[in-house]
Amino acid sequence: MLEYDEKRDYIRMDVDCKVTYKLIDSNDVKTGRCLSLSGSGVSFIADTSYDDGLAMEINVLPENSVTPPMTAFIEVVRSIPQEDSSFEIAGIIKSLK
């Protein structure tokens, strides 16, 4: 039997739902797709790359009524180019709204 030692503080959940996001100092709200969520971080697909350290407000909008929406303030830690010219943005959750 294979053993797996989880090194993360929180379990990461794969998610596939809409997300809206904006830079803290902007009113320009954009839409993307949430990929994963944990107690300390989030990743989502965006149409633009963002620099590490930028502050954003995100809204995770689940597609079922069982899971409530979540608004959080994050700090960008990674922006990974994807094959379709989009970017996977990874962020640390700093606080919940």
PDB file of N, CA and C in Angstrom:
ATOM      1  N   MET A   1       0.840  -1.174   0.000  1.00  0.00           N
ATOM      2  CA  MET A   1       0.000   0.000   0.000  1.00  0.00           C
ATOM      3  C   MET A   1       0.887   1.240   0.000  1.00  0.00           C
ATOM      4  N   LEU A   2       0.541   2.202  -0.849  1.00  0.00           N
ATOM      5  CA  LEU A   2       1.282   3.454  -0.893  1.00  0.00           C
ATOM      6  C   LEU A   2       0.825   4.351   0.245  1.00  0.00           C
ATOM      7  N   GLU A   3       1.793   5.008   0.862  1.00  0.00           N
ATOM      8  CA  GLU A   3       1.448   5.952   1.918  1.00  0.00           C
ATOM      9  C   GLU A   3       1.713   7.352   1.420  1.00  0.00           C
ATOM     10  N   TYR A   4       0.891   8.273   1.849  1.00  0.00           N
ATOM     11  CA  TYR A   4       1.026   9.661   1.424  1.00  0.00           C
ATOM     12  C   TYR A   4       1.076  10.534   2.662  1.00  0.00           C
ATOM     13  N   ASP A   5       2.099  11.354   2.743  1.00  0.00           N
ATOM     14  CA  ASP A   5       2.267  12.250   3.877  1.00  0.00           C
ATOM     15  C   ASP A   5       1.888  13.655   3.424  1.00  0.00           C
ATOM     16  N   GLU A   6       0.751  14.151   3.852  1.00  0.00           N
ATOM     17  CA  GLU A   6       0.276  15.481   3.479  1.00  0.00           C
ATOM     18  C   GLU A   6       1.145  16.530   4.151  1.00  0.00           C
ATOM     19  N   LYS A   7       1.774  17.368   3.344  1.00  0.00           N
ATOM     20  CA  LYS A   7       2.658  18.396   3.880  1.00  0.00           C
ATOM     21  C   LYS A   7       1.980  19.761   3.979  1.00  0.00           C
ATOM     22  N   ARG A   8       0.787  19.872   3.495  1.00  0.00           N
ATOM     23  CA  ARG A   8       0.057  21.139   3.565  1.00  0.00           C
ATOM     24  C   ARG A   8      -0.651  21.260   4.907  1.00  0.00           C
ATOM     25  N   ASP A   9      -0.847  22.509   5.341  1.00  0.00           N
ATOM     26  CA  ASP A   9      -1.592  22.750   6.578  1.00  0.00           C
ATOM     27  C   ASP A   9      -3.082  22.491   6.371  1.00  0.00           C
ATOM     28  N   TYR A  10      -3.563  22.705   5.136  1.00  0.00           N
ATOM     29  CA  TYR A  10      -4.981  22.518   4.819  1.00  0.00           C
ATOM     30  C   TYR A  10      -5.091  21.650   3.573  1.00  0.00           C
ATOM     31  N   ILE A  11      -6.109  20.833   3.514  1.00  0.00           N
ATOM     32  CA  ILE A  11      -6.362  20.000   2.345  1.00  0.00           C
ATOM     33  C   ILE A  11      -6.838  20.881   1.199  1.00  0.00           C
ATOM     34  N   ARG A  12      -6.299  20.652   0.003  1.00  0.00           N
ATOM     35  CA  ARG A  12      -6.721  21.392  -1.174  1.00  0.00           C
ATOM     36  C   ARG A  12      -7.871  20.648  -1.828  1.00  0.00           C
ATOM     37  N   MET A  13      -8.928  21.383  -2.161  1.00  0.00           N
ATOM     38  CA  MET A  13     -10.077  20.795  -2.848  1.00  0.00           C
ATOM     39  C   MET A  13     -10.100  21.282  -4.289  1.00  0.00           C
ATOM     40  N   ASP A  14     -10.275  20.360  -5.219  1.00  0.00           N
ATOM     41  CA  ASP A  14     -10.472  20.759  -6.608  1.00  0.00           C
ATOM     42  C   ASP A  14     -11.860  21.369  -6.726  1.00  0.00           C
ATOM     43  N   VAL A  15     -11.933  22.502  -7.387  1.00  0.00           N
ATOM     44  CA  VAL A  15     -13.186  23.236  -7.540  1.00  0.00           C
ATOM     45  C   VAL A  15     -13.311  23.615  -9.009  1.00  0.00           C
ATOM     46  N   ASP A  16     -14.514  23.661  -9.509  1.00  0.00           N
ATOM     47  CA  ASP A  16     -14.749  24.131 -10.870  1.00  0.00           C
ATOM     48  C   ASP A  16     -15.979  25.020 -10.834  1.00  0.00           C
ATOM     49  N   CYS A  17     -15.732  26.315 -10.581  1.00  0.00           N
ATOM     50  CA  CYS A  17     -16.845  27.262 -10.518  1.00  0.00           C
ATOM     51  C   CYS A  17     -16.359  28.657 -10.914  1.00  0.00           C
ATOM     52  N   LYS A  18     -17.298  29.533 -11.109  1.00  0.00           N
ATOM     53  CA  LYS A  18     -17.009  30.904 -11.500  1.00  0.00           C
ATOM     54  C   LYS A  18     -16.351  31.657 -10.348  1.00  0.00           C
ATOM     55  N   VAL A  19     -15.462  32.574 -10.695  1.00  0.00           N
ATOM     56  CA  VAL A  19     -14.849  33.461  -9.719  1.00  0.00           C
ATOM     57  C   VAL A  19     -14.794  34.858 -10.340  1.00  0.00           C
ATOM     58  N   THR A  20     -15.070  35.863  -9.539  1.00  0.00           N
ATOM     59  CA  THR A  20     -14.827  37.233  -9.966  1.00  0.00           C
ATOM     60  C   THR A  20     -13.673  37.755  -9.132  1.00  0.00           C
ATOM     61  N   TYR A  21     -12.901  38.662  -9.716  1.00  0.00           N
ATOM     62  CA  TYR A  21     -11.726  39.162  -9.013  1.00  0.00           C
ATOM     63  C   TYR A  21     -11.404  40.575  -9.471  1.00  0.00           C
ATOM     64  N   LYS A  22     -10.721  41.312  -8.607  1.00  0.00           N
ATOM     65  CA  LYS A  22     -10.272  42.655  -8.953  1.00  0.00           C
ATOM     66  C   LYS A  22      -9.094  43.018  -8.068  1.00  0.00           C
ATOM     67  N   LEU A  23      -8.255  43.871  -8.587  1.00  0.00           N
ATOM     68  CA  LEU A  23      -7.181  44.406  -7.763  1.00  0.00           C
ATOM     69  C   LEU A  23      -7.801  45.301  -6.699  1.00  0.00           C
ATOM     70  N   ILE A  24      -7.189  45.363  -5.534  1.00  0.00           N
ATOM     71  CA  ILE A  24      -7.748  46.132  -4.417  1.00  0.00           C
ATOM     72  C   ILE A  24      -7.952  47.597  -4.785  1.00  0.00           C
ATOM     73  N   ASP A  25      -7.035  48.176  -5.551  1.00  0.00           N
ATOM     74  CA  ASP A  25      -7.127  49.606  -5.877  1.00  0.00           C
ATOM     75  C   ASP A  25      -7.860  49.871  -7.192  1.00  0.00           C
ATOM     76  N   SER A  26      -8.685  48.911  -7.636  1.00  0.00           N
ATOM     77  CA  SER A  26      -9.385  49.049  -8.913  1.00  0.00           C
ATOM     78  C   SER A  26     -10.866  48.718  -8.758  1.00  0.00           C
ATOM     79  N   ASN A  27     -11.670  49.265  -9.661  1.00  0.00           N
ATOM     80  CA  ASN A  27     -13.086  48.911  -9.726  1.00  0.00           C
ATOM     81  C   ASN A  27     -13.373  47.994 -10.903  1.00  0.00           C
ATOM     82  N   ASP A  28     -12.337  47.589 -11.643  1.00  0.00           N
ATOM     83  CA  ASP A  28     -12.459  46.743 -12.823  1.00  0.00           C
ATOM     84  C   ASP A  28     -12.591  45.276 -12.404  1.00  0.00           C
ATOM     85  N   VAL A  29     -13.823  44.766 -12.363  1.00  0.00           N
ATOM     86  CA  VAL A  29     -14.089  43.380 -11.949  1.00  0.00           C
ATOM     87  C   VAL A  29     -14.010  42.478 -13.174  1.00  0.00           C
ATOM     88  N   LYS A  30     -13.229  41.394 -13.043  1.00  0.00           N
ATOM     89  CA  LYS A  30     -13.073  40.424 -14.120  1.00  0.00           C
ATOM     90  C   LYS A  30     -13.622  39.076 -13.672  1.00  0.00           C
ATOM     91  N   THR A  31     -13.875  38.203 -14.640  1.00  0.00           N
ATOM     92  CA  THR A  31     -14.415  36.882 -14.362  1.00  0.00           C
ATOM     93  C   THR A  31     -13.407  35.811 -14.780  1.00  0.00           C
ATOM     94  N   GLY A  32     -13.311  34.773 -13.952  1.00  0.00           N
ATOM     95  CA  GLY A  32     -12.435  33.650 -14.247  1.00  0.00           C
ATOM     96  C   GLY A  32     -13.059  32.355 -13.787  1.00  0.00           C
ATOM     97  N   ARG A  33     -12.238  31.338 -13.661  1.00  0.00           N
ATOM     98  CA  ARG A  33     -12.702  30.009 -13.258  1.00  0.00           C
ATOM     99  C   ARG A  33     -11.844  29.525 -12.107  1.00  0.00           C
ATOM    100  N   CYS A  34     -12.471  29.216 -10.962  1.00  0.00           N
ATOM    101  CA  CYS A  34     -11.752  28.720  -9.798  1.00  0.00           C
ATOM    102  C   CYS A  34     -11.341  27.272 -10.044  1.00  0.00           C
ATOM    103  N   LEU A  35     -10.081  26.945  -9.715  1.00  0.00           N
ATOM    104  CA  LEU A  35      -9.565  25.591  -9.906  1.00  0.00           C
ATOM    105  C   LEU A  35      -9.447  24.820  -8.606  1.00  0.00           C
ATOM    106  N   SER A  36      -8.933  25.481  -7.569  1.00  0.00           N
ATOM    107  CA  SER A  36      -8.770  24.805  -6.283  1.00  0.00           C
ATOM    108  C   SER A  36      -8.876  25.809  -5.155  1.00  0.00           C
ATOM    109  N   LEU A  37      -9.191  25.257  -3.974  1.00  0.00           N
ATOM    110  CA  LEU A  37      -9.439  26.085  -2.800  1.00  0.00           C
ATOM    111  C   LEU A  37      -9.005  25.303  -1.573  1.00  0.00           C
ATOM    112  N   SER A  38      -8.356  25.999  -0.641  1.00  0.00           N
ATOM    113  CA  SER A  38      -8.015  25.384   0.638  1.00  0.00           C
ATOM    114  C   SER A  38      -8.247  26.420   1.725  1.00  0.00           C
ATOM    115  N   GLY A  39      -7.954  26.061   2.945  1.00  0.00           N
ATOM    116  CA  GLY A  39      -8.125  26.991   4.054  1.00  0.00           C
ATOM    117  C   GLY A  39      -7.173  28.161   4.007  1.00  0.00           C
ATOM    118  N   SER A  40      -6.102  28.035   3.210  1.00  0.00           N
ATOM    119  CA  SER A  40      -5.115  29.113   3.176  1.00  0.00           C
ATOM    120  C   SER A  40      -4.850  29.669   1.785  1.00  0.00           C
ATOM    121  N   GLY A  41      -5.444  29.081   0.744  1.00  0.00           N
ATOM    122  CA  GLY A  41      -5.144  29.575  -0.592  1.00  0.00           C
ATOM    123  C   GLY A  41      -6.186  29.225  -1.623  1.00  0.00           C
ATOM    124  N   VAL A  42      -5.989  29.792  -2.808  1.00  0.00           N
ATOM    125  CA  VAL A  42      -6.915  29.598  -3.914  1.00  0.00           C
ATOM    126  C   VAL A  42      -6.120  29.664  -5.213  1.00  0.00           C
ATOM    127  N   SER A  43      -6.600  28.966  -6.245  1.00  0.00           N
ATOM    128  CA  SER A  43      -6.046  29.139  -7.587  1.00  0.00           C
ATOM    129  C   SER A  43      -7.205  29.272  -8.560  1.00  0.00           C
ATOM    130  N   PHE A  44      -6.988  30.125  -9.564  1.00  0.00           N
ATOM    131  CA  PHE A  44      -8.039  30.363 -10.550  1.00  0.00           C
ATOM    132  C   PHE A  44      -7.412  30.753 -11.879  1.00  0.00           C
ATOM    133  N   ILE A  45      -8.211  30.633 -12.935  1.00  0.00           N
ATOM    134  CA  ILE A  45      -7.784  30.998 -14.273  1.00  0.00           C
ATOM    135  C   ILE A  45      -8.199  32.438 -14.546  1.00  0.00           C
ATOM    136  N   ALA A  46      -7.237  33.223 -15.024  1.00  0.00           N
ATOM    137  CA  ALA A  46      -7.464  34.630 -15.357  1.00  0.00           C
ATOM    138  C   ALA A  46      -6.971  34.890 -16.776  1.00  0.00           C
ATOM    139  N   ASP A  47      -7.406  36.000 -17.357  1.00  0.00           N
ATOM    140  CA  ASP A  47      -6.973  36.329 -18.712  1.00  0.00           C
ATOM    141  C   ASP A  47      -5.695  37.159 -18.736  1.00  0.00           C
ATOM    142  N   THR A  48      -5.181  37.537 -17.553  1.00  0.00           N
ATOM    143  CA  THR A  48      -4.007  38.394 -17.434  1.00  0.00           C
ATOM    144  C   THR A  48      -3.074  37.840 -16.374  1.00  0.00           C
ATOM    145  N   SER A  49      -1.796  38.054 -16.560  1.00  0.00           N
ATOM    146  CA  SER A  49      -0.806  37.706 -15.545  1.00  0.00           C
ATOM    147  C   SER A  49      -0.777  38.810 -14.484  1.00  0.00           C
ATOM    148  N   TYR A  50      -0.539  38.437 -13.245  1.00  0.00           N
ATOM    149  CA  TYR A  50      -0.436  39.420 -12.159  1.00  0.00           C
ATOM    150  C   TYR A  50       0.862  39.191 -11.407  1.00  0.00           C
ATOM    151  N   ASP A  51       1.492  40.278 -10.991  1.00  0.00           N
ATOM    152  CA  ASP A  51       2.766  40.204 -10.276  1.00  0.00           C
ATOM    153  C   ASP A  51       2.586  39.646  -8.876  1.00  0.00           C
ATOM    154  N   ASP A  52       3.584  38.904  -8.428  1.00  0.00           N
ATOM    155  CA  ASP A  52       3.601  38.403  -7.047  1.00  0.00           C
ATOM    156  C   ASP A  52       3.499  39.583  -6.089  1.00  0.00           C
ATOM    157  N   GLY A  53       2.738  39.380  -5.022  1.00  0.00           N
ATOM    158  CA  GLY A  53       2.599  40.405  -3.994  1.00  0.00           C
ATOM    159  C   GLY A  53       1.410  41.318  -4.172  1.00  0.00           C
ATOM    160  N   LEU A  54       0.760  41.297  -5.348  1.00  0.00           N
ATOM    161  CA  LEU A  54      -0.414  42.144  -5.561  1.00  0.00           C
ATOM    162  C   LEU A  54      -1.572  41.683  -4.677  1.00  0.00           C
ATOM    163  N   ALA A  55      -2.346  42.638  -4.198  1.00  0.00           N
ATOM    164  CA  ALA A  55      -3.518  42.337  -3.376  1.00  0.00           C
ATOM    165  C   ALA A  55      -4.761  42.340  -4.257  1.00  0.00           C
ATOM    166  N   MET A  56      -5.616  41.324  -4.073  1.00  0.00           N
ATOM    167  CA  MET A  56      -6.850  41.191  -4.844  1.00  0.00           C
ATOM    168  C   MET A  56      -8.008  40.851  -3.918  1.00  0.00           C
ATOM    169  N   GLU A  57      -9.195  41.185  -4.385  1.00  0.00           N
ATOM    170  CA  GLU A  57     -10.427  40.707  -3.757  1.00  0.00           C
ATOM    171  C   GLU A  57     -11.041  39.708  -4.730  1.00  0.00           C
ATOM    172  N   ILE A  58     -11.399  38.522  -4.229  1.00  0.00           N
ATOM    173  CA  ILE A  58     -12.018  37.509  -5.086  1.00  0.00           C
ATOM    174  C   ILE A  58     -13.359  37.090  -4.501  1.00  0.00           C
ATOM    175  N   ASN A  59     -14.247  36.679  -5.385  1.00  0.00           N
ATOM    176  CA  ASN A  59     -15.540  36.101  -5.023  1.00  0.00           C
ATOM    177  C   ASN A  59     -15.641  34.746  -5.674  1.00  0.00           C
ATOM    178  N   VAL A  60     -15.679  33.695  -4.883  1.00  0.00           N
ATOM    179  CA  VAL A  60     -15.873  32.341  -5.403  1.00  0.00           C
ATOM    180  C   VAL A  60     -17.373  32.089  -5.414  1.00  0.00           C
ATOM    181  N   LEU A  61     -17.904  31.744  -6.586  1.00  0.00           N
ATOM    182  CA  LEU A  61     -19.349  31.624  -6.773  1.00  0.00           C
ATOM    183  C   LEU A  61     -19.722  30.193  -7.153  1.00  0.00           C
ATOM    184  N   PRO A  62     -19.937  29.318  -6.155  1.00  0.00           N
ATOM    185  CA  PRO A  62     -20.303  27.924  -6.435  1.00  0.00           C
ATOM    186  C   PRO A  62     -21.573  27.831  -7.268  1.00  0.00           C
ATOM    187  N   GLU A  63     -21.677  26.752  -8.031  1.00  0.00           N
ATOM    188  CA  GLU A  63     -22.814  26.594  -8.933  1.00  0.00           C
ATOM    189  C   GLU A  63     -23.948  25.788  -8.329  1.00  0.00           C
ATOM    190  N   ASN A  64     -23.875  25.497  -7.029  1.00  0.00           N
ATOM    191  CA  ASN A  64     -24.996  24.838  -6.364  1.00  0.00           C
ATOM    192  C   ASN A  64     -25.348  25.620  -5.111  1.00  0.00           C
ATOM    193  N   SER A  65     -26.553  25.448  -4.633  1.00  0.00           N
ATOM    194  CA  SER A  65     -27.023  26.222  -3.482  1.00  0.00           C
ATOM    195  C   SER A  65     -26.564  25.650  -2.144  1.00  0.00           C
ATOM    196  N   VAL A  66     -25.931  24.495  -2.155  1.00  0.00           N
ATOM    197  CA  VAL A  66     -25.457  23.870  -0.923  1.00  0.00           C
ATOM    198  C   VAL A  66     -24.226  24.593  -0.386  1.00  0.00           C
ATOM    199  N   THR A  67     -23.361  25.043  -1.296  1.00  0.00           N
ATOM    200  CA  THR A  67     -22.130  25.715  -0.918  1.00  0.00           C
ATOM    201  C   THR A  67     -22.317  27.223  -1.027  1.00  0.00           C
ATOM    202  N   PRO A  68     -22.066  27.973   0.049  1.00  0.00           N
ATOM    203  CA  PRO A  68     -22.247  29.421  -0.020  1.00  0.00           C
ATOM    204  C   PRO A  68     -21.095  30.090  -0.766  1.00  0.00           C
ATOM    205  N   PRO A  69     -21.339  31.269  -1.342  1.00  0.00           N
ATOM    206  CA  PRO A  69     -20.256  32.004  -1.990  1.00  0.00           C
ATOM    207  C   PRO A  69     -19.239  32.464  -0.937  1.00  0.00           C
ATOM    208  N   MET A  70     -18.029  32.763  -1.390  1.00  0.00           N
ATOM    209  CA  MET A  70     -16.986  33.205  -0.479  1.00  0.00           C
ATOM    210  C   MET A  70     -16.304  34.435  -1.068  1.00  0.00           C
ATOM    211  N   THR A  71     -16.133  35.463  -0.255  1.00  0.00           N
ATOM    212  CA  THR A  71     -15.367  36.639  -0.641  1.00  0.00           C
ATOM    213  C   THR A  71     -14.119  36.678   0.221  1.00  0.00           C
ATOM    214  N   ALA A  72     -12.971  36.846  -0.433  1.00  0.00           N
ATOM    215  CA  ALA A  72     -11.698  36.831   0.300  1.00  0.00           C
ATOM    216  C   ALA A  72     -10.746  37.865  -0.281  1.00  0.00           C
ATOM    217  N   PHE A  73      -9.804  38.264   0.542  1.00  0.00           N
ATOM    218  CA  PHE A  73      -8.705  39.111   0.110  1.00  0.00           C
ATOM    219  C   PHE A  73      -7.479  38.212   0.016  1.00  0.00           C
ATOM    220  N   ILE A  74      -6.805  38.254  -1.135  1.00  0.00           N
ATOM    221  CA  ILE A  74      -5.663  37.374  -1.349  1.00  0.00           C
ATOM    222  C   ILE A  74      -4.424  38.172  -1.745  1.00  0.00           C
ATOM    223  N   GLU A  75      -3.277  37.513  -1.593  1.00  0.00           N
ATOM    224  CA  GLU A  75      -2.019  38.031  -2.113  1.00  0.00           C
ATOM    225  C   GLU A  75      -1.546  37.067  -3.187  1.00  0.00           C
ATOM    226  N   VAL A  76      -1.275  37.578  -4.380  1.00  0.00           N
ATOM    227  CA  VAL A  76      -0.815  36.742  -5.487  1.00  0.00           C
ATOM    228  C   VAL A  76       0.582  36.203  -5.174  1.00  0.00           C
ATOM    229  N   VAL A  77       0.753  34.881  -5.350  1.00  0.00           N
ATOM    230  CA  VAL A  77       2.062  34.261  -5.140  1.00  0.00           C
ATOM    231  C   VAL A  77       2.629  33.638  -6.413  1.00  0.00           C
ATOM    232  N   ARG A  78       1.771  33.392  -7.406  1.00  0.00           N
ATOM    233  CA  ARG A  78       2.214  32.783  -8.656  1.00  0.00           C
ATOM    234  C   ARG A  78       1.266  33.149  -9.780  1.00  0.00           C
ATOM    235  N   SER A  79       1.836  33.275 -10.975  1.00  0.00           N
ATOM    236  CA  SER A  79       1.055  33.489 -12.180  1.00  0.00           C
ATOM    237  C   SER A  79       1.673  32.601 -13.257  1.00  0.00           C
ATOM    238  N   ILE A  80       0.983  31.505 -13.591  1.00  0.00           N
ATOM    239  CA  ILE A  80       1.547  30.480 -14.471  1.00  0.00           C
ATOM    240  C   ILE A  80       0.862  30.529 -15.838  1.00  0.00           C
ATOM    241  N   PRO A  81       1.640  30.799 -16.901  1.00  0.00           N
ATOM    242  CA  PRO A  81       1.037  30.820 -18.253  1.00  0.00           C
ATOM    243  C   PRO A  81       0.463  29.458 -18.621  1.00  0.00           C
ATOM    244  N   GLN A  82      -0.703  29.472 -19.281  1.00  0.00           N
ATOM    245  CA  GLN A  82      -1.362  28.258 -19.751  1.00  0.00           C
ATOM    246  C   GLN A  82      -1.273  28.200 -21.278  1.00  0.00           C
ATOM    247  N   GLU A  83      -1.511  27.035 -21.845  1.00  0.00           N
ATOM    248  CA  GLU A  83      -1.409  26.844 -23.296  1.00  0.00           C
ATOM    249  C   GLU A  83      -2.390  27.702 -24.091  1.00  0.00           C
ATOM    250  N   ASP A  84      -3.522  28.051 -23.501  1.00  0.00           N
ATOM    251  CA  ASP A  84      -4.546  28.822 -24.218  1.00  0.00           C
ATOM    252  C   ASP A  84      -4.401  30.331 -24.017  1.00  0.00           C
ATOM    253  N   SER A  85      -3.233  30.795 -23.587  1.00  0.00           N
ATOM    254  CA  SER A  85      -2.919  32.211 -23.355  1.00  0.00           C
ATOM    255  C   SER A  85      -3.555  32.779 -22.092  1.00  0.00           C
ATOM    256  N   SER A  86      -4.196  31.950 -21.294  1.00  0.00           N
ATOM    257  CA  SER A  86      -4.690  32.401 -19.999  1.00  0.00           C
ATOM    258  C   SER A  86      -3.584  32.170 -18.965  1.00  0.00           C
ATOM    259  N   PHE A  87      -3.876  32.493 -17.698  1.00  0.00           N
ATOM    260  CA  PHE A  87      -2.901  32.338 -16.621  1.00  0.00           C
ATOM    261  C   PHE A  87      -3.558  31.706 -15.409  1.00  0.00           C
ATOM    262  N   GLU A  88      -2.862  30.768 -14.783  1.00  0.00           N
ATOM    263  CA  GLU A  88      -3.324  30.235 -13.505  1.00  0.00           C
ATOM    264  C   GLU A  88      -2.732  31.122 -12.411  1.00  0.00           C
ATOM    265  N   ILE A  89      -3.607  31.749 -11.645  1.00  0.00           N
ATOM    266  CA  ILE A  89      -3.197  32.636 -10.562  1.00  0.00           C
ATOM    267  C   ILE A  89      -3.343  31.871  -9.251  1.00  0.00           C
ATOM    268  N   ALA A  90      -2.284  31.860  -8.456  1.00  0.00           N
ATOM    269  CA  ALA A  90      -2.333  31.241  -7.131  1.00  0.00           C
ATOM    270  C   ALA A  90      -2.175  32.338  -6.097  1.00  0.00           C
ATOM    271  N   GLY A  91      -2.990  32.273  -5.067  1.00  0.00           N
ATOM    272  CA  GLY A  91      -2.929  33.300  -4.038  1.00  0.00           C
ATOM    273  C   GLY A  91      -3.105  32.752  -2.639  1.00  0.00           C
ATOM    274  N   ILE A  92      -2.520  33.461  -1.696  1.00  0.00           N
ATOM    275  CA  ILE A  92      -2.674  33.148  -0.268  1.00  0.00           C
ATOM    276  C   ILE A  92      -3.860  33.952   0.244  1.00  0.00           C
ATOM    277  N   ILE A  93      -4.782  33.287   0.925  1.00  0.00           N
ATOM    278  CA  ILE A  93      -5.920  33.999   1.519  1.00  0.00           C
ATOM    279  C   ILE A  93      -5.438  34.738   2.749  1.00  0.00           C
ATOM    280  N   LYS A  94      -5.590  36.069   2.715  1.00  0.00           N
ATOM    281  CA  LYS A  94      -5.170  36.916   3.827  1.00  0.00           C
ATOM    282  C   LYS A  94      -6.311  37.129   4.822  1.00  0.00           C
ATOM    283  N   SER A  95      -7.543  37.265   4.300  1.00  0.00           N
ATOM    284  CA  SER A  95      -8.705  37.413   5.171  1.00  0.00           C
ATOM    285  C   SER A  95      -9.970  37.147   4.377  1.00  0.00           C
ATOM    286  N   LEU A  96     -11.040  36.840   5.101  1.00  0.00           N
ATOM    287  CA  LEU A  96     -12.358  36.632   4.501  1.00  0.00           C
ATOM    288  C   LEU A  96     -13.222  37.837   4.802  1.00  0.00           C
ATOM    289  N   LYS A  97     -14.102  38.155   3.868  1.00  0.00           N
ATOM    290  CA  LYS A  97     -14.990  39.305   4.032  1.00  0.00           C
ATOM    291  C   LYS A  97     -16.316  38.842   4.584  1.00  0.00           C
TER     292      LYS A  97
END
